[in-house]
Amino acid sequence: MISLGQRIAMAVAMTRVMALELVRDRAALVMTFLLPPLVFLIFSSVFAGATGDAIQLKLAVADVARTPDSIRLAQALAKSPEVRAEQVAPATADAVRERVKSGRADAGLIIRADPADSGKPFVIVADPARAVAAPLAQARVQQVLSSALPDVALRRTVAKLEPALGGLSEEQAENADSAAAFLRTSPPKTDDGFFDRQDVRDARTGGGVIAYYAGAVMILFALFSAMQGALGLMEERRTGVADRLLAGVAGMGPVVSGKFVFLTGQGLVQAVAVFATAQAVYGVAVLGHLGPWLVTTLAAAGCAAGLALGLVSVCRTREQAQMLSTFVILVLAAIGGSMAPRFLMPPWLQGLGWFTPHAWVIEAYQDILWRDVAGLAVYKAWGVLAAIGLAGLAVAHVQARRLRR
């Protein structure tokens, strides 16, 4: 019977062996202790920027009224650090709606009348797929209006009351001007009925959100599954199967190509399951856009397969490959929009998202299934995804040839 002391000695010896293995495997050492804080920094940047106070929406602005007050507001919005306002050209309501519908703006603002006039001079144009963007855009415009044009609300109130009062005397008018000047230093916080809202299209509520997350989930699980399948390369090296294949005429090339075809097909089947559910439960129009959807899905699945094979092939041990694949999946998912909508992220992180396949996949699916657009943006996404997949496949083949030498 083994004594307690012997058990402790064996445990200490095993701990020492594992520690030595980790220290000698420098790549695994780096990924074990340096990647976690790096992942923390990335995730904190993603989700800390997704709070209401930190979001900088991209706002398309059209000043249709062209009055002194409306021009002041448009200029103040352009200078405000709270929102990324861009005046559309031509300055029409249709141009704003087109920007929002195409996804080039998170929300739109149409200044259709002088801000001091009665009624609702502002129209917030919203995409139902970005429902939170509309109230945030209204809040940002209200902030700018209160700070840059605080006298507007007072003049609206005075204009409403003046008919009931039978007109203002000269003294009352002077008092109103004095109050307006005071409001420039103490702006009000209410919206005073400035805003109306319009959606960019008459679509089923939630359809854009469903299309977004269907794409986000599809590419996320395609990468997960592809990484697990690509780890078979490490198992073949460990068991000696790779050595026997390398001794043959063809080498590992057909094995890599075969894995790529299988993993691409696997991703396609996963996508069918996800989008069939989206169509059946939420009415997402997949069958109505079957051709573009199929090309997008094949490009996304091929991208995941090639990326997985390329990453795993450059690793020397299974531990390295597992750690690297987990790191890559988590980071790409966070930055690319699979975990939080990209328009809620800081602008610099939104730009960084275009270096991930997730952003291209999500935008392509939204263009096809929600915006009914299959133009240049979708073709560009297909090209980028195909290029990533083929590049990863090429890396895997190069590493296979190096093994043979």
Protein backbone atom coordinates (compact mmCIF):
# COMPACT_ATOMS: atom_id res chain seq x y z
CA MET A 1 0.00 0.00 0.00
CA ILE A 2 1.34 3.40 -0.99
CA SER A 3 1.97 5.68 1.94
CA LEU A 4 0.87 9.30 2.16
CA GLY A 5 4.46 10.46 1.80
CA GLN A 6 4.90 8.48 -1.38
CA ARG A 7 1.67 9.90 -2.82
CA ILE A 8 2.87 13.42 -2.08
CA ALA A 9 6.26 12.68 -3.66
CA MET A 10 4.58 11.33 -6.81
CA ALA A 11 2.33 14.39 -7.03
CA VAL A 12 5.32 16.71 -6.63
CA ALA A 13 7.24 14.79 -9.30
CA MET A 14 4.31 15.02 -11.74
CA THR A 15 3.97 18.73 -11.02
CA ARG A 16 7.68 19.17 -11.73
CA VAL A 17 7.45 17.22 -15.00
CA MET A 18 4.49 19.28 -16.23
CA ALA A 19 6.18 22.53 -15.22
CA LEU A 20 9.34 21.56 -17.12
CA GLU A 21 7.29 20.65 -20.21
CA LEU A 22 5.55 24.00 -20.11
CA VAL A 23 8.80 25.94 -19.62
CA ARG A 24 10.50 24.13 -22.48
CA ASP A 25 7.56 24.74 -24.82
CA ARG A 26 8.05 28.48 -25.10
CA ALA A 27 5.17 29.02 -27.49
CA ALA A 28 2.76 27.30 -25.10
CA LEU A 29 4.28 29.28 -22.21
CA VAL A 30 3.63 32.58 -23.95
CA MET A 31 0.08 31.62 -24.91
CA THR A 32 -0.67 30.38 -21.38
CA PHE A 33 0.42 33.49 -19.49
CA LEU A 34 0.44 36.36 -21.98
CA LEU A 35 -2.68 35.66 -24.01
CA PRO A 36 -5.15 35.83 -21.08
CA PRO A 37 -4.34 39.47 -20.22
CA LEU A 38 -4.35 40.31 -23.93
CA VAL A 39 -7.80 38.76 -24.31
CA PHE A 40 -8.91 40.73 -21.25
CA LEU A 41 -7.74 44.00 -22.80
CA ILE A 42 -9.56 43.23 -26.04
CA PHE A 43 -12.81 42.23 -24.35
CA SER A 44 -12.71 45.20 -21.99
CA SER A 45 -12.29 47.52 -24.98
CA VAL A 46 -15.21 45.85 -26.77
CA PHE A 47 -17.70 45.87 -23.93
CA ALA A 48 -16.57 49.03 -22.14
CA GLY A 49 -17.20 50.89 -25.39
CA ALA A 50 -20.70 49.42 -25.66
CA THR A 51 -22.15 51.61 -22.90
CA GLY A 52 -24.52 54.44 -23.71
CA ASP A 53 -22.14 57.24 -22.72
CA ALA A 54 -19.22 55.91 -24.79
CA ILE A 55 -21.00 55.05 -28.04
CA GLN A 56 -20.19 57.31 -30.98
CA LEU A 57 -22.90 56.67 -33.52
CA LYS A 58 -22.38 57.39 -37.19
CA LEU A 59 -25.19 59.84 -38.00
CA ALA A 60 -26.22 60.83 -41.53
CA VAL A 61 -27.57 64.41 -41.50
CA ALA A 62 -29.61 66.22 -44.15
CA ASP A 63 -30.48 69.87 -43.52
CA VAL A 64 -33.52 70.25 -45.75
CA ALA A 65 -34.77 73.42 -44.01
CA ARG A 66 -31.57 75.49 -44.56
CA THR A 67 -32.49 78.14 -41.98
CA PRO A 68 -29.96 79.94 -39.75
CA ASP A 69 -30.88 77.74 -36.77
CA SER A 70 -30.82 74.51 -38.76
CA ILE A 71 -27.41 75.41 -40.20
CA ARG A 72 -26.15 76.12 -36.66
CA LEU A 73 -27.38 72.73 -35.53
CA ALA A 74 -25.81 70.87 -38.46
CA GLN A 75 -22.49 72.60 -37.87
CA ALA A 76 -22.64 71.88 -34.13
CA LEU A 77 -23.32 68.19 -34.81
CA ALA A 78 -20.33 68.02 -37.16
CA LYS A 79 -18.08 69.42 -34.40
CA SER A 80 -19.53 67.37 -31.54
CA PRO A 81 -17.31 64.61 -30.09
CA GLU A 82 -20.44 62.75 -28.93
CA VAL A 83 -21.49 61.67 -32.42
CA ARG A 84 -19.86 61.13 -35.83
CA ALA A 85 -22.18 63.30 -37.91
CA GLU A 86 -21.79 63.46 -41.69
CA GLN A 87 -23.87 65.70 -43.94
CA VAL A 88 -25.14 63.74 -46.92
CA ALA A 89 -24.93 65.01 -50.47
CA PRO A 90 -27.39 65.74 -51.90
CA ALA A 91 -29.02 66.94 -48.67
CA THR A 92 -32.29 65.06 -49.12
CA ALA A 93 -34.41 62.77 -46.97
CA ASP A 94 -33.98 59.94 -49.49
CA ALA A 95 -30.21 60.23 -49.28
CA VAL A 96 -30.37 59.84 -45.49
CA ARG A 97 -32.65 56.81 -45.76
CA GLU A 98 -30.33 55.22 -48.33
CA ARG A 99 -27.32 55.70 -46.03
CA VAL A 100 -29.09 54.09 -43.10
CA LYS A 101 -30.57 51.25 -45.15
CA SER A 102 -27.19 50.38 -46.69
CA GLY A 103 -25.57 50.29 -43.25
CA ARG A 104 -23.20 53.18 -43.97
CA ALA A 105 -24.81 55.11 -41.10
CA ASP A 106 -26.18 53.83 -37.80
CA ALA A 107 -29.04 56.33 -37.85
CA GLY A 108 -30.12 59.42 -39.76
CA LEU A 109 -31.34 62.92 -38.95
CA ILE A 110 -33.53 64.92 -41.32
CA ILE A 111 -33.89 68.58 -40.34
CA ARG A 112 -37.10 69.27 -42.20
CA ALA A 113 -38.03 72.61 -40.58
CA ASP A 114 -36.53 75.37 -38.50
CA PRO A 115 -35.79 74.04 -35.00
CA ALA A 116 -37.69 76.97 -33.46
CA ASP A 117 -40.88 76.24 -35.43
CA SER A 118 -43.79 74.42 -33.85
CA GLY A 119 -44.38 70.75 -34.58
CA LYS A 120 -41.59 68.21 -34.94
CA PRO A 121 -38.80 69.66 -37.08
CA PHE A 122 -36.51 66.60 -36.76
CA VAL A 123 -36.95 63.10 -38.14
CA ILE A 124 -34.80 60.29 -36.76
CA VAL A 125 -34.33 57.64 -39.46
CA ALA A 126 -33.72 54.23 -37.92
CA ASP A 127 -32.91 50.72 -39.06
CA PRO A 128 -34.96 48.19 -37.03
CA ALA A 129 -31.89 45.95 -37.07
CA ARG A 130 -30.17 48.60 -34.93
CA ALA A 131 -33.09 49.47 -32.70
CA VAL A 132 -30.94 50.96 -29.95
CA ALA A 133 -29.37 53.42 -32.40
CA ALA A 134 -32.55 55.51 -32.76
CA PRO A 135 -32.95 56.58 -29.09
CA LEU A 136 -29.19 57.06 -28.81
CA ALA A 137 -29.17 59.28 -31.90
CA GLN A 138 -32.08 61.31 -30.51
CA ALA A 139 -30.24 61.72 -27.21
CA ARG A 140 -27.07 62.88 -28.96
CA VAL A 141 -28.94 65.39 -31.11
CA GLN A 142 -30.76 66.65 -28.02
CA GLN A 143 -27.46 67.10 -26.21
CA VAL A 144 -26.03 69.14 -29.06
CA LEU A 145 -29.26 71.12 -29.43
CA SER A 146 -29.29 71.95 -25.72
CA SER A 147 -25.66 73.04 -25.63
CA ALA A 148 -25.35 74.81 -28.99
CA LEU A 149 -28.91 76.16 -29.47
CA PRO A 150 -30.44 76.50 -25.97
CA ASP A 151 -32.52 79.47 -27.05
CA VAL A 152 -34.48 77.42 -29.57
CA ALA A 153 -36.67 75.68 -26.96
CA LEU A 154 -37.58 79.01 -25.38
CA ARG A 155 -38.48 80.59 -28.70
CA ARG A 156 -40.68 77.59 -29.52
CA THR A 157 -42.50 78.01 -26.22
CA VAL A 158 -42.89 81.74 -26.70
CA ALA A 159 -44.20 81.22 -30.24
CA LYS A 160 -46.83 78.80 -28.90
CA LEU A 161 -47.95 81.16 -26.12
CA GLU A 162 -47.88 84.44 -28.05
CA PRO A 163 -51.28 83.99 -29.79
CA ALA A 164 -52.96 83.22 -26.48
CA LEU A 165 -51.35 86.27 -24.87
CA GLY A 166 -52.41 88.60 -27.68
CA GLY A 167 -48.84 89.32 -28.69
CA LEU A 168 -45.77 90.35 -26.67
CA SER A 169 -44.97 93.83 -25.54
CA GLU A 170 -41.55 95.31 -26.15
CA GLU A 171 -40.59 94.66 -22.54
CA GLN A 172 -41.78 91.05 -22.70
CA ALA A 173 -39.81 90.50 -25.89
CA GLU A 174 -36.69 91.86 -24.19
CA ASN A 175 -37.29 89.54 -21.23
CA ALA A 176 -37.63 86.60 -23.60
CA ASP A 177 -34.31 87.53 -25.24
CA SER A 178 -32.67 87.77 -21.81
CA ALA A 179 -34.03 84.35 -20.89
CA ALA A 180 -32.72 82.93 -24.15
CA ALA A 181 -29.27 84.33 -23.37
CA PHE A 182 -29.44 82.75 -19.90
CA LEU A 183 -30.30 79.38 -21.41
CA ARG A 184 -27.05 79.43 -23.36
CA THR A 185 -25.25 78.82 -20.05
CA SER A 186 -27.96 76.63 -18.44
CA PRO A 187 -29.46 74.49 -21.22
CA PRO A 188 -32.70 72.56 -20.65
CA LYS A 189 -32.84 68.75 -20.62
CA THR A 190 -36.22 68.00 -22.23
CA ASP A 191 -36.78 67.32 -25.92
CA ASP A 192 -39.92 69.56 -26.10
CA GLY A 193 -41.44 67.45 -28.88
CA PHE A 194 -38.71 68.01 -31.45
CA PHE A 195 -38.48 64.49 -32.82
CA ASP A 196 -40.39 62.18 -35.10
CA ARG A 197 -39.16 58.73 -36.13
CA GLN A 198 -39.23 56.72 -39.34
CA ASP A 199 -37.94 53.24 -40.10
CA VAL A 200 -36.00 52.78 -43.32
CA ARG A 201 -38.22 49.99 -44.56
CA ASP A 202 -41.54 48.33 -43.89
CA ALA A 203 -40.11 45.03 -42.69
CA ARG A 204 -41.02 42.50 -40.05
CA THR A 205 -39.84 43.78 -36.66
CA GLY A 206 -36.69 41.99 -35.54
CA GLY A 207 -35.85 40.54 -38.95
CA GLY A 208 -32.65 42.53 -39.26
CA VAL A 209 -31.52 41.50 -35.79
CA ILE A 210 -32.23 37.85 -36.55
CA ALA A 211 -30.29 38.03 -39.82
CA TYR A 212 -27.40 39.66 -37.93
CA TYR A 213 -27.14 37.01 -35.26
CA ALA A 214 -27.76 34.13 -37.66
CA GLY A 215 -24.62 35.21 -39.51
CA ALA A 216 -22.73 35.83 -36.27
CA VAL A 217 -23.56 32.38 -34.91
CA MET A 218 -22.87 30.67 -38.24
CA ILE A 219 -19.29 31.94 -38.58
CA LEU A 220 -18.57 31.47 -34.87
CA PHE A 221 -19.52 27.78 -34.87
CA ALA A 222 -18.00 27.18 -38.28
CA LEU A 223 -14.67 28.28 -36.84
CA PHE A 224 -15.13 26.25 -33.66
CA SER A 225 -15.88 23.09 -35.63
CA ALA A 226 -13.16 23.73 -38.19
CA MET A 227 -10.54 24.23 -35.47
CA GLN A 228 -11.52 20.95 -33.83
CA GLY A 229 -11.39 19.15 -37.16
CA ALA A 230 -8.03 20.67 -38.06
CA LEU A 231 -6.55 19.42 -34.78
CA GLY A 232 -6.62 16.02 -36.43
CA LEU A 233 -3.39 17.07 -38.17
CA MET A 234 -1.69 17.06 -34.76
CA GLU A 235 -3.15 13.68 -33.89
CA GLU A 236 -1.83 12.25 -37.16
CA ARG A 237 1.63 13.55 -36.36
CA ARG A 238 1.51 12.10 -32.84
CA THR A 239 0.33 8.64 -33.89
CA GLY A 240 2.78 8.34 -36.78
CA VAL A 241 0.12 8.38 -39.51
CA ALA A 242 1.71 11.52 -40.97
CA ASP A 243 5.10 9.79 -41.21
CA ARG A 244 3.62 6.91 -43.17
CA LEU A 245 1.82 9.32 -45.49
CA LEU A 246 4.98 11.38 -45.98
CA ALA A 247 6.83 8.24 -47.01
CA GLY A 248 4.40 7.77 -49.89
CA VAL A 249 4.34 9.46 -53.26
CA ALA A 250 1.57 11.99 -52.62
CA GLY A 251 2.59 13.03 -49.12
CA MET A 252 0.27 15.03 -46.86
CA GLY A 253 -1.13 17.25 -49.61
CA PRO A 254 -4.24 15.18 -50.38
CA VAL A 255 -4.91 14.84 -46.65
CA VAL A 256 -4.89 18.61 -46.18
CA SER A 257 -7.09 19.12 -49.24
CA GLY A 258 -9.49 16.43 -48.09
CA LYS A 259 -9.80 18.00 -44.66
CA PHE A 260 -10.47 21.37 -46.28
CA VAL A 261 -13.30 19.94 -48.39
CA PHE A 262 -14.83 18.13 -45.42
CA LEU A 263 -14.64 21.14 -43.08
CA THR A 264 -16.16 23.38 -45.74
CA GLY A 265 -19.02 20.95 -46.19
CA GLN A 266 -19.45 20.71 -42.43
CA GLY A 267 -19.72 24.49 -42.18
CA LEU A 268 -22.29 24.49 -44.98
CA VAL A 269 -24.46 21.95 -43.15
CA GLN A 270 -24.20 23.98 -39.93
CA ALA A 271 -25.29 27.10 -41.79
CA VAL A 272 -28.25 25.26 -43.29
CA ALA A 273 -29.34 24.28 -39.78
CA VAL A 274 -29.00 27.84 -38.43
CA PHE A 275 -30.72 29.60 -41.31
CA ALA A 276 -33.45 26.98 -41.70
CA THR A 277 -34.32 27.71 -38.08
CA ALA A 278 -34.22 31.45 -38.75
CA GLN A 279 -36.57 31.03 -41.71
CA ALA A 280 -38.98 28.70 -39.92
CA VAL A 281 -39.19 30.56 -36.62
CA TYR A 282 -38.59 34.20 -37.56
CA GLY A 283 -39.43 34.36 -41.23
CA VAL A 284 -35.98 35.38 -42.47
CA ALA A 285 -36.21 35.26 -46.28
CA VAL A 286 -33.44 32.73 -46.95
CA LEU A 287 -35.22 30.85 -49.76
CA GLY A 288 -36.04 34.14 -51.46
CA HIS A 289 -32.30 34.91 -51.69
CA LEU A 290 -31.02 31.35 -52.06
CA GLY A 291 -28.34 32.02 -54.70
CA PRO A 292 -26.47 34.85 -52.93
CA TRP A 293 -26.99 33.12 -49.58
CA LEU A 294 -25.38 29.91 -50.86
CA VAL A 295 -22.34 31.72 -52.27
CA THR A 296 -21.90 33.65 -49.01
CA THR A 297 -22.20 30.46 -46.97
CA LEU A 298 -19.68 28.57 -49.10
CA ALA A 299 -17.25 31.49 -48.87
CA ALA A 300 -17.70 31.71 -45.09
CA ALA A 301 -17.34 27.94 -44.56
CA GLY A 302 -14.27 27.80 -46.82
CA CYS A 303 -12.78 30.76 -44.97
CA ALA A 304 -13.25 29.01 -41.61
CA ALA A 305 -11.80 25.74 -42.93
CA GLY A 306 -8.73 27.33 -44.51
CA LEU A 307 -8.06 29.59 -41.51
CA ALA A 308 -8.29 26.64 -39.12
CA LEU A 309 -5.96 24.43 -41.17
CA GLY A 310 -3.44 27.23 -41.60
CA LEU A 311 -3.33 28.08 -37.90
CA VAL A 312 -3.06 24.48 -36.72
CA SER A 313 -0.37 23.62 -39.28
CA VAL A 314 2.05 26.24 -37.95
CA CYS A 315 1.87 24.83 -34.40
CA ARG A 316 4.32 22.21 -33.19
CA THR A 317 2.23 20.60 -30.46
CA ARG A 318 -1.45 19.92 -29.85
CA GLU A 319 -1.33 22.13 -26.75
CA GLN A 320 -0.09 25.07 -28.81
CA ALA A 321 -2.78 24.47 -31.41
CA GLN A 322 -5.57 24.24 -28.82
CA MET A 323 -4.50 27.41 -27.04
CA LEU A 324 -3.97 29.34 -30.27
CA SER A 325 -7.29 28.23 -31.74
CA THR A 326 -9.18 29.25 -28.58
CA PHE A 327 -7.45 32.62 -28.55
CA VAL A 328 -8.13 33.27 -32.22
CA ILE A 329 -11.79 32.24 -32.00
CA LEU A 330 -12.49 34.40 -28.95
CA VAL A 331 -10.70 37.49 -30.25
CA LEU A 332 -12.11 37.32 -33.77
CA ALA A 333 -15.62 36.76 -32.40
CA ALA A 334 -15.35 39.74 -30.04
CA ILE A 335 -13.86 42.18 -32.53
CA GLY A 336 -15.86 40.93 -35.52
CA GLY A 337 -19.28 41.40 -33.94
CA SER A 338 -20.33 37.88 -32.98
CA MET A 339 -20.60 38.84 -29.31
CA ALA A 340 -21.75 42.45 -29.49
CA PRO A 341 -22.97 44.57 -32.43
CA ARG A 342 -20.06 46.42 -33.98
CA PHE A 343 -21.86 49.77 -34.16
CA LEU A 344 -21.81 49.83 -30.34
CA MET A 345 -18.01 49.61 -30.30
CA PRO A 346 -15.51 52.50 -30.38
CA PRO A 347 -14.72 53.71 -33.92
CA TRP A 348 -11.15 52.35 -33.87
CA LEU A 349 -12.42 48.92 -32.89
CA GLN A 350 -15.05 49.02 -35.63
CA GLY A 351 -12.28 49.61 -38.14
CA LEU A 352 -10.25 46.75 -36.68
CA GLY A 353 -13.27 44.48 -37.12
CA TRP A 354 -12.79 44.52 -40.90
CA PHE A 355 -9.66 42.41 -40.36
CA THR A 356 -11.86 39.55 -39.13
CA PRO A 357 -13.99 37.22 -41.26
CA HIS A 358 -16.89 37.70 -38.85
CA ALA A 359 -17.52 41.31 -39.88
CA TRP A 360 -17.55 40.41 -43.58
CA VAL A 361 -19.86 37.42 -43.05
CA ILE A 362 -22.33 39.34 -40.89
CA GLU A 363 -22.49 42.32 -43.24
CA ALA A 364 -22.88 40.08 -46.30
CA TYR A 365 -25.80 38.19 -44.75
CA GLN A 366 -27.46 41.43 -43.65
CA ASP A 367 -27.05 42.96 -47.10
CA ILE A 368 -28.63 39.91 -48.72
CA LEU A 369 -31.34 38.95 -46.24
CA TRP A 370 -32.29 42.29 -44.71
CA ARG A 371 -31.31 45.14 -46.99
CA ASP A 372 -32.09 43.25 -50.23
CA VAL A 373 -28.74 44.35 -51.67
CA ALA A 374 -26.40 42.03 -53.56
CA GLY A 375 -24.04 44.61 -54.98
CA LEU A 376 -20.38 45.56 -54.71
CA ALA A 377 -20.23 45.23 -50.91
CA VAL A 378 -21.38 41.61 -51.07
CA TYR A 379 -19.00 40.75 -53.90
CA LYS A 380 -16.16 42.30 -51.93
CA ALA A 381 -17.08 40.19 -48.91
CA TRP A 382 -17.04 37.04 -51.04
CA GLY A 383 -13.59 37.95 -52.33
CA VAL A 384 -12.16 38.66 -48.88
CA LEU A 385 -13.55 35.45 -47.37
CA ALA A 386 -12.33 33.34 -50.28
CA ALA A 387 -8.88 34.94 -50.07
CA ILE A 388 -8.58 34.19 -46.35
CA GLY A 389 -9.64 30.58 -46.84
CA LEU A 390 -7.28 29.98 -49.76
CA ALA A 391 -4.40 31.68 -47.93
CA GLY A 392 -4.90 29.42 -44.92
CA LEU A 393 -5.08 26.36 -47.18
CA ALA A 394 -1.86 27.42 -48.91
CA VAL A 395 -0.09 27.78 -45.55
CA ALA A 396 -1.24 24.30 -44.55
CA HIS A 397 0.10 22.82 -47.81
CA VAL A 398 3.45 24.62 -47.40
CA GLN A 399 3.80 23.28 -43.86
CA ALA A 400 2.94 19.79 -45.10
CA ARG A 401 5.72 19.97 -47.70
CA ARG A 402 8.17 21.13 -45.05
CA LEU A 403 7.33 18.09 -42.96
CA ARG A 404 8.16 15.89 -45.92
CA ARG A 405 11.58 17.46 -46.26
